[in-house]
């Protein structure tokens, strides 16, 4: 019963589409084949008619018995009309079968908006200084960065980015490899460490280091942005090797910025990352640096005024711009909100649109109607058969 119900539903749907179709826009792929089939049927029909005409006597009317039937007993006009009705349905069925054989189809124009696919790396500073209080607030830098990254990634939910997440202090750590699963990336950011530092960090920086829970790793907590960026380059290189992409495609038009890395740091790096910025530029990877203005007095107290951490922090903003990126100085929470909107806008480039012509083959519609005509014609022929006069 389910099969019969489904079959009737399909027939009904096809018939509705058949009668609602604008046949003036229908095109045919194999009309030459349908014409040949029609000529063959017409030739066969003419041959049958000719054969019957040759076999029948001109002066007599014979039926099955072979006896001469008087004209008064021969079928009248009404009977002849009834016998023509099934022939009409069968002929119409043959015509629509030929229409189906011609492979009719319609065309539709579809415009598709094309967006550049994005490969985005998120590189987060988790050094001990990220546990410091942020500008006379009750929050540390790491907590602000956590909220910032979660909101930025959440904004990208419908952008279908292919992204990864890494952190660095002294050493880099890949927390989540390339994925298009936005929820998975958010989970890794939310559950990953906000700070990786030596267990003595709170005692070494009293009143400055206010983060209560952090990853306690012996002799960790420094900042080496150069190693962090080196890890980012390796992740991109591995991805490129795995899917056999050509770096040159990105270099043809860097304005499209198909690959990028978002770096969030306080800038107090122990090693100058200039060589790594050159490597990013060479690969067509655009760096976006979110620079949380460090506590300069505390950094000088810890490292000394002539320490590389102090000099590199001052030069970092210029280096990013020099090698094709952009930098954002976040001095308070309101500034971070503006940076968030700006970064999301930079990664929302529409490349253009493309028109597609789609062919929709509709041979099933005339074929369904032809089958219905055949069934109707044969049924009527069976019904009228009982009135056939035999002598």
Protein backbone atom coordinates (compact mmCIF):
# COMPACT_ATOMS: atom_id res chain seq x y z
CA UNK A 1 0.00 0.00 0.00
CA UNK A 2 2.86 2.37 0.78
CA UNK A 3 4.38 1.69 -2.64
CA UNK A 4 1.07 2.39 -4.38
CA UNK A 5 0.56 5.56 -2.35
CA UNK A 6 4.04 6.80 -3.18
CA UNK A 7 3.54 5.95 -6.86
CA UNK A 8 0.27 7.88 -7.02
CA UNK A 9 1.91 10.84 -5.26
CA UNK A 10 4.73 10.90 -7.84
CA UNK A 11 2.26 10.66 -10.75
CA UNK A 12 0.14 13.45 -9.27
CA UNK A 13 3.18 15.72 -8.77
CA UNK A 14 4.42 15.11 -12.32
CA UNK A 15 1.00 15.82 -13.81
CA UNK A 16 0.68 19.06 -11.83
CA UNK A 17 4.12 20.15 -13.08
CA UNK A 18 3.19 19.10 -16.62
CA UNK A 19 0.08 21.29 -16.78
CA UNK A 20 1.75 24.25 -15.00
CA UNK A 21 4.83 24.20 -17.23
CA UNK A 22 5.40 27.07 -19.66
CA UNK A 23 6.11 25.03 -22.80
CA UNK A 24 7.18 28.12 -24.72
CA UNK A 25 10.53 28.08 -22.86
CA UNK A 26 11.15 24.36 -23.24
CA UNK A 27 14.18 23.25 -25.26
CA UNK A 28 15.03 19.80 -26.66
CA UNK A 29 18.34 17.99 -26.70
CA UNK A 30 17.46 15.03 -28.96
CA UNK A 31 14.69 16.30 -31.18
CA UNK A 32 16.37 14.73 -34.24
CA UNK A 33 15.99 11.30 -32.61
CA UNK A 34 12.31 11.95 -31.86
CA UNK A 35 11.71 13.02 -35.49
CA UNK A 36 13.28 9.81 -36.78
CA UNK A 37 11.19 7.73 -34.39
CA UNK A 38 8.03 9.58 -35.54
CA UNK A 39 8.85 8.95 -39.22
CA UNK A 40 9.41 5.28 -38.46
CA UNK A 41 6.02 4.99 -36.68
CA UNK A 42 4.22 6.81 -39.49
CA UNK A 43 5.82 4.52 -42.08
CA UNK A 44 4.82 1.44 -40.03
CA UNK A 45 1.24 2.76 -39.69
CA UNK A 46 0.94 3.45 -43.41
CA UNK A 47 2.24 -0.03 -44.16
CA UNK A 48 -0.40 -1.60 -41.89
CA UNK A 49 -3.18 0.50 -43.48
CA UNK A 50 -2.02 -0.44 -46.95
CA UNK A 51 -1.84 -4.12 -46.04
CA UNK A 52 -5.39 -4.11 -44.61
CA UNK A 53 -6.69 -2.25 -47.63
CA UNK A 54 -5.20 -4.86 -49.98
CA UNK A 55 -6.66 -7.71 -47.91
CA UNK A 56 -10.22 -6.41 -47.72
CA UNK A 57 -12.78 -6.97 -50.52
CA UNK A 58 -14.17 -3.81 -52.05
CA UNK A 59 -17.70 -5.27 -52.58
CA UNK A 60 -18.19 -7.07 -49.32
CA UNK A 61 -17.87 -6.39 -45.61
CA UNK A 62 -16.41 -9.32 -43.73
CA UNK A 63 -15.93 -9.88 -40.02
CA UNK A 64 -14.62 -12.95 -38.20
CA UNK A 65 -17.18 -15.44 -39.61
CA UNK A 66 -16.43 -14.67 -43.22
CA UNK A 67 -20.11 -14.27 -44.13
CA UNK A 68 -21.45 -11.27 -46.04
CA UNK A 69 -23.17 -8.91 -43.59
CA UNK A 70 -26.10 -6.82 -44.65
CA UNK A 71 -25.61 -3.05 -44.34
CA UNK A 72 -28.45 -2.79 -41.81
CA UNK A 73 -26.45 -4.98 -39.40
CA UNK A 74 -23.21 -3.13 -39.77
CA UNK A 75 -22.03 -0.83 -36.87
CA UNK A 76 -23.46 2.66 -37.00
CA UNK A 77 -21.83 6.08 -36.72
CA UNK A 78 -22.05 6.12 -32.92
CA UNK A 79 -20.12 2.89 -32.60
CA UNK A 80 -17.46 4.14 -35.00
CA UNK A 81 -17.03 7.31 -32.90
CA UNK A 82 -16.69 5.19 -29.75
CA UNK A 83 -13.99 3.06 -31.37
CA UNK A 84 -12.10 6.22 -32.37
CA UNK A 85 -11.88 7.51 -28.76
CA UNK A 86 -9.34 4.86 -27.60
CA UNK A 87 -7.39 5.43 -30.81
CA UNK A 88 -7.26 9.14 -30.00
CA UNK A 89 -5.87 8.50 -26.51
CA UNK A 90 -3.34 5.95 -27.81
CA UNK A 91 -2.21 8.33 -30.57
CA UNK A 92 -1.85 11.21 -28.09
CA UNK A 93 0.15 8.89 -25.83
CA UNK A 94 2.47 8.07 -28.72
CA UNK A 95 2.95 11.79 -29.48
CA UNK A 96 3.90 12.64 -25.88
CA UNK A 97 6.19 9.61 -25.77
CA UNK A 98 8.01 11.14 -28.72
CA UNK A 99 8.17 14.43 -26.81
CA UNK A 100 9.80 12.59 -23.88
CA UNK A 101 12.25 10.89 -26.25
CA UNK A 102 13.31 14.33 -27.51
CA UNK A 103 14.71 14.97 -23.98
CA UNK A 104 13.00 18.28 -23.11
CA UNK A 105 14.64 20.60 -20.60
CA UNK A 106 14.39 24.08 -19.19
CA UNK A 107 17.19 26.44 -18.16
CA UNK A 108 17.57 28.54 -15.03
CA UNK A 109 20.05 31.31 -14.35
CA UNK A 110 21.50 31.15 -10.85
CA UNK A 111 23.81 33.79 -9.40
CA UNK A 112 26.21 32.65 -6.70
CA UNK A 113 28.07 35.04 -4.43
CA UNK A 114 31.70 33.99 -4.18
CA UNK A 115 33.70 34.70 -1.05
CA UNK A 116 37.38 34.10 -0.66
CA UNK A 117 37.99 31.06 1.50
CA UNK A 118 39.84 32.03 4.65
CA UNK A 119 42.70 30.31 6.38
CA UNK A 120 43.16 32.06 9.72
CA UNK A 121 45.60 31.33 12.51
CA UNK A 122 45.00 32.64 16.02
CA UNK A 123 48.25 33.08 17.97
CA UNK A 124 47.87 34.01 21.63
CA UNK A 125 50.47 35.19 24.10
CA UNK A 126 50.17 33.19 27.36
CA UNK A 127 53.33 34.46 29.03
CA UNK A 128 53.45 35.40 32.70
CA UNK A 129 52.95 39.11 31.93
CA UNK A 130 49.48 38.26 30.57
CA UNK A 131 48.50 37.51 34.16
CA UNK A 132 49.21 41.11 35.17
CA UNK A 133 46.44 43.52 36.11
CA UNK A 134 45.18 45.49 33.10
CA UNK A 135 45.21 49.28 33.52
CA UNK A 136 43.75 49.72 37.00
CA UNK A 137 40.93 47.22 36.42
CA UNK A 138 39.99 44.11 38.37
CA UNK A 139 40.85 41.94 35.38
CA UNK A 140 44.15 40.66 34.12
CA UNK A 141 45.26 40.90 30.50
CA UNK A 142 44.65 37.20 29.90
CA UNK A 143 40.98 37.50 30.87
CA UNK A 144 40.46 40.38 28.43
CA UNK A 145 42.24 38.43 25.69
CA UNK A 146 40.08 35.37 26.44
CA UNK A 147 36.88 37.36 26.00
CA UNK A 148 38.26 39.11 22.91
CA UNK A 149 39.21 35.87 21.11
CA UNK A 150 35.97 34.08 21.98
CA UNK A 151 33.90 36.96 20.64
CA UNK A 152 36.03 37.29 17.49
CA UNK A 153 35.77 33.57 16.65
CA UNK A 154 32.03 33.56 17.45
CA UNK A 155 31.54 36.42 14.97
CA UNK A 156 33.12 34.23 12.29
CA UNK A 157 30.63 31.39 12.86
CA UNK A 158 28.93 31.65 9.46
CA UNK A 159 32.07 32.59 7.50
CA UNK A 160 33.24 28.95 7.06
CA UNK A 161 36.83 29.79 7.99
CA UNK A 162 39.48 27.10 8.16
CA UNK A 163 41.29 28.09 11.35
CA UNK A 164 43.78 26.91 13.94
CA UNK A 165 44.66 28.08 17.45
CA UNK A 166 48.12 28.26 19.01
CA UNK A 167 49.62 29.80 22.13
CA UNK A 168 53.17 30.77 23.06
CA UNK A 169 55.24 31.91 26.01
CA UNK A 170 58.83 30.69 25.92
CA UNK A 171 57.66 27.84 23.68
CA UNK A 172 54.78 27.60 21.19
CA UNK A 173 51.92 25.11 21.62
CA UNK A 174 49.43 24.10 18.91
CA UNK A 175 46.11 23.84 20.75
CA UNK A 176 43.84 23.14 17.75
CA UNK A 177 44.91 22.29 14.20
CA UNK A 178 43.11 23.58 11.11
CA UNK A 179 39.36 23.04 11.40
CA UNK A 180 36.17 24.45 9.89
CA UNK A 181 34.25 23.52 13.04
CA UNK A 182 33.70 26.86 14.75
CA UNK A 183 32.30 25.25 17.89
CA UNK A 184 35.37 23.03 18.25
CA UNK A 185 37.68 26.03 17.91
CA UNK A 186 35.71 27.96 20.53
CA UNK A 187 35.90 24.97 22.88
CA UNK A 188 39.69 24.81 22.57
CA UNK A 189 40.05 28.52 23.24
CA UNK A 190 37.67 28.41 26.20
CA UNK A 191 39.26 25.37 27.84
CA UNK A 192 42.89 26.07 26.94
CA UNK A 193 45.36 27.79 29.28
CA UNK A 194 45.22 31.57 29.61
CA UNK A 195 48.73 31.74 31.08
CA UNK A 196 51.62 29.26 31.16
CA UNK A 197 54.18 30.31 33.75
CA UNK A 198 56.50 29.13 36.47
CA UNK A 199 54.70 28.34 39.74
CA UNK A 200 56.59 31.20 41.37
CA UNK A 201 55.05 33.85 39.10
CA UNK A 202 52.59 35.24 41.72
CA UNK A 203 55.40 35.61 44.26
CA UNK A 204 57.79 37.12 41.71
CA UNK A 205 55.28 39.82 40.76
CA UNK A 206 53.24 40.62 43.87
CA UNK A 207 50.16 42.79 43.29
CA UNK A 208 50.85 42.65 39.55
CA UNK A 209 50.14 38.98 38.80
CA UNK A 210 46.48 38.57 39.81
CA UNK A 211 45.37 35.51 37.80
CA UNK A 212 44.43 32.77 40.24
CA UNK A 213 44.53 29.71 37.96
CA UNK A 214 47.16 29.15 35.32
CA UNK A 215 49.23 26.33 33.82
CA UNK A 216 52.18 25.88 36.15
CA UNK A 217 55.23 24.79 34.15
CA UNK A 218 58.74 24.99 35.54
CA UNK A 219 60.89 27.73 33.98
CA UNK A 220 58.05 28.84 31.71
CA UNK A 221 56.46 32.27 31.47
CA UNK A 222 58.79 34.24 29.21
CA UNK A 223 57.75 35.66 25.82
CA UNK A 224 59.29 34.63 22.51
CA UNK A 225 57.08 35.87 19.67
CA UNK A 226 59.66 34.77 17.11
CA UNK A 227 59.23 31.10 18.08
CA UNK A 228 55.46 31.56 18.13
CA UNK A 229 55.44 32.92 14.57
CA UNK A 230 57.84 30.19 13.47
CA UNK A 231 55.29 27.64 14.68
CA UNK A 232 52.54 29.47 12.76
CA UNK A 233 54.59 29.28 9.56
CA UNK A 234 55.09 25.53 10.05
CA UNK A 235 51.35 24.97 10.51
CA UNK A 236 50.57 26.87 7.30
CA UNK A 237 53.34 25.03 5.41
CA UNK A 238 52.02 21.66 6.57
CA UNK A 239 48.49 22.60 5.53
CA UNK A 240 49.75 23.70 2.13
CA UNK A 241 51.63 20.46 1.66
CA UNK A 242 48.67 18.35 2.74
CA UNK A 243 46.17 19.86 0.32
CA UNK A 244 48.80 20.58 -2.37
CA UNK A 245 47.98 24.24 -2.68
CA UNK A 246 50.25 26.61 -4.57
CA UNK A 247 51.57 29.54 -2.60
CA UNK A 248 51.83 31.55 -5.82
CA UNK A 249 48.04 31.79 -6.03
CA UNK A 250 48.03 33.92 -2.90
CA UNK A 251 50.98 36.00 -4.09
CA UNK A 252 49.20 37.03 -7.29
CA UNK A 253 46.87 39.36 -5.38
CA UNK A 254 47.77 39.99 -1.76
CA UNK A 255 44.87 42.43 -1.49
CA UNK A 256 42.56 39.42 -1.27
CA UNK A 257 44.31 38.38 1.96
CA UNK A 258 43.14 34.79 1.83
CA UNK A 259 45.53 33.69 4.59
CA UNK A 260 46.19 35.57 7.79
CA UNK A 261 47.24 35.25 11.40
CA UNK A 262 45.75 37.19 14.30
CA UNK A 263 48.40 37.77 16.98
CA UNK A 264 47.43 38.90 20.48
CA UNK A 265 50.38 39.86 22.66
CA UNK A 266 51.71 42.47 25.07
CA UNK A 267 54.76 42.80 22.81
CA UNK A 268 57.54 42.14 25.33
CA UNK A 269 59.27 39.53 23.16
CA UNK A 270 62.78 38.33 24.00
CA UNK A 271 63.67 37.78 20.32
CA UNK A 272 63.06 40.13 17.40
CA UNK A 273 60.48 38.41 15.12
CA UNK A 274 61.43 40.36 11.98
CA UNK A 275 62.68 37.28 10.11
CA UNK A 276 59.39 35.51 10.85
CA UNK A 277 57.41 38.49 9.53
CA UNK A 278 59.45 38.21 6.33
CA UNK A 279 58.52 34.52 6.15
CA UNK A 280 54.84 35.34 6.54
CA UNK A 281 55.02 37.93 3.76
CA UNK A 282 56.80 35.47 1.48
CA UNK A 283 53.94 32.98 1.92
CA UNK A 284 51.18 35.54 1.42
CA UNK A 285 50.12 35.33 5.08
CA UNK A 286 48.94 38.69 6.42
CA UNK A 287 49.66 39.37 10.12
CA UNK A 288 47.18 41.31 12.24
CA UNK A 289 48.73 42.29 15.55
CA UNK A 290 46.56 43.17 18.53
CA UNK A 291 49.04 44.87 20.85
CA UNK A 292 48.07 45.16 24.50
CA UNK A 293 50.15 48.09 25.69
CA UNK A 294 52.45 46.57 28.32
CA UNK A 295 53.16 47.92 31.77
CA UNK A 296 56.36 49.64 30.73
CA UNK A 297 57.52 50.40 34.28
CA UNK A 298 57.13 46.77 35.35
CA UNK A 299 58.91 45.51 32.22
CA UNK A 300 61.83 47.90 32.86
CA UNK A 301 61.98 46.81 36.50
CA UNK A 302 62.13 43.15 35.48
CA UNK A 303 64.38 43.31 32.43
CA UNK A 304 66.18 46.67 32.59
CA UNK A 305 65.79 49.72 30.37
CA UNK A 306 68.18 48.44 27.70
CA UNK A 307 66.70 44.92 27.54
CA UNK A 308 65.57 43.59 24.13
CA UNK A 309 62.03 43.15 25.49
CA UNK A 310 61.72 46.94 25.80
CA UNK A 311 63.22 47.79 22.41
CA UNK A 312 61.37 45.07 20.50
CA UNK A 313 58.03 46.12 21.95
CA UNK A 314 58.56 49.64 20.59
CA UNK A 315 59.60 48.39 17.13
CA UNK A 316 56.93 45.71 16.78
CA UNK A 317 54.16 47.95 15.45
CA UNK A 318 56.39 49.28 12.66
CA UNK A 319 57.59 45.80 11.65
CA UNK A 320 54.06 44.47 11.24
CA UNK A 321 53.11 47.30 8.88
CA UNK A 322 56.44 47.01 7.02
CA UNK A 323 55.72 43.40 6.10
CA UNK A 324 52.18 43.83 4.84
CA UNK A 325 50.13 43.56 8.01
CA UNK A 326 48.16 45.83 10.30
CA UNK A 327 48.52 46.52 13.99
CA UNK A 328 46.02 47.65 16.59
CA UNK A 329 46.93 49.23 19.89
CA UNK A 330 44.48 48.22 22.61
CA UNK A 331 44.72 50.62 25.53
CA UNK A 332 41.38 49.82 27.18
CA UNK A 333 38.30 47.59 26.85
CA UNK A 334 36.50 50.02 24.55
CA UNK A 335 39.48 49.96 22.19
CA UNK A 336 39.34 46.16 22.14
CA UNK A 337 35.71 46.34 21.02
CA UNK A 338 36.71 48.57 18.09
CA UNK A 339 39.57 46.23 17.19
CA UNK A 340 37.12 43.32 17.24
CA UNK A 341 34.82 44.96 14.70
CA UNK A 342 37.73 46.05 12.54
CA UNK A 343 39.25 42.57 12.39
CA UNK A 344 35.94 40.95 11.50
CA UNK A 345 35.40 43.49 8.70
CA UNK A 346 38.89 42.87 7.29
CA UNK A 347 38.10 39.17 6.95
CA UNK A 348 34.78 39.61 5.16
CA UNK A 349 35.82 40.30 1.56
CA UNK A 350 33.38 39.27 -1.18
CA UNK A 351 35.27 38.37 -4.33
CA UNK A 352 32.30 38.77 -6.66
CA UNK A 353 29.53 36.70 -8.18
CA UNK A 354 29.21 34.09 -10.90
CA UNK A 355 26.22 33.19 -13.06
CA UNK A 356 25.42 29.54 -13.65
CA UNK A 357 23.01 28.17 -16.27
CA UNK A 358 21.35 25.09 -14.85
CA UNK A 359 19.59 22.59 -17.10
CA UNK A 360 16.57 20.87 -15.61
CA UNK A 361 15.54 17.80 -17.60
CA UNK A 362 11.78 17.28 -17.60
CA UNK A 363 11.29 14.19 -19.79
CA UNK A 364 9.47 12.52 -16.89
CA UNK A 365 6.56 15.00 -17.24
CA UNK A 366 5.47 14.15 -20.84
CA UNK A 367 6.34 10.51 -20.21
CA UNK A 368 4.01 10.37 -17.20
CA UNK A 369 1.24 12.03 -19.20
CA UNK A 370 1.85 9.59 -22.09
CA UNK A 371 1.56 6.59 -19.76
CA UNK A 372 -1.71 7.99 -18.42
CA UNK A 373 -3.04 8.36 -21.98
CA UNK A 374 -1.99 4.80 -22.84
CA UNK A 375 -3.71 3.38 -19.76
CA UNK A 376 -6.85 5.40 -20.52
CA UNK A 377 -6.89 4.37 -24.20
CA UNK A 378 -6.39 0.66 -23.46
CA UNK A 379 -9.04 0.75 -20.72
CA UNK A 380 -11.58 2.35 -23.03
CA UNK A 381 -10.72 -0.15 -25.74
CA UNK A 382 -11.41 -2.98 -23.31
CA UNK A 383 -14.72 -1.40 -22.24
CA UNK A 384 -15.92 -0.83 -25.82
CA UNK A 385 -14.83 -4.31 -26.92
CA UNK A 386 -18.02 -5.84 -25.51
CA UNK A 387 -20.05 -3.83 -28.01
CA UNK A 388 -18.08 -5.15 -30.94
CA UNK A 389 -20.51 -6.87 -33.39
CA UNK A 390 -19.51 -10.23 -34.58
CA UNK A 391 -21.53 -12.29 -37.11
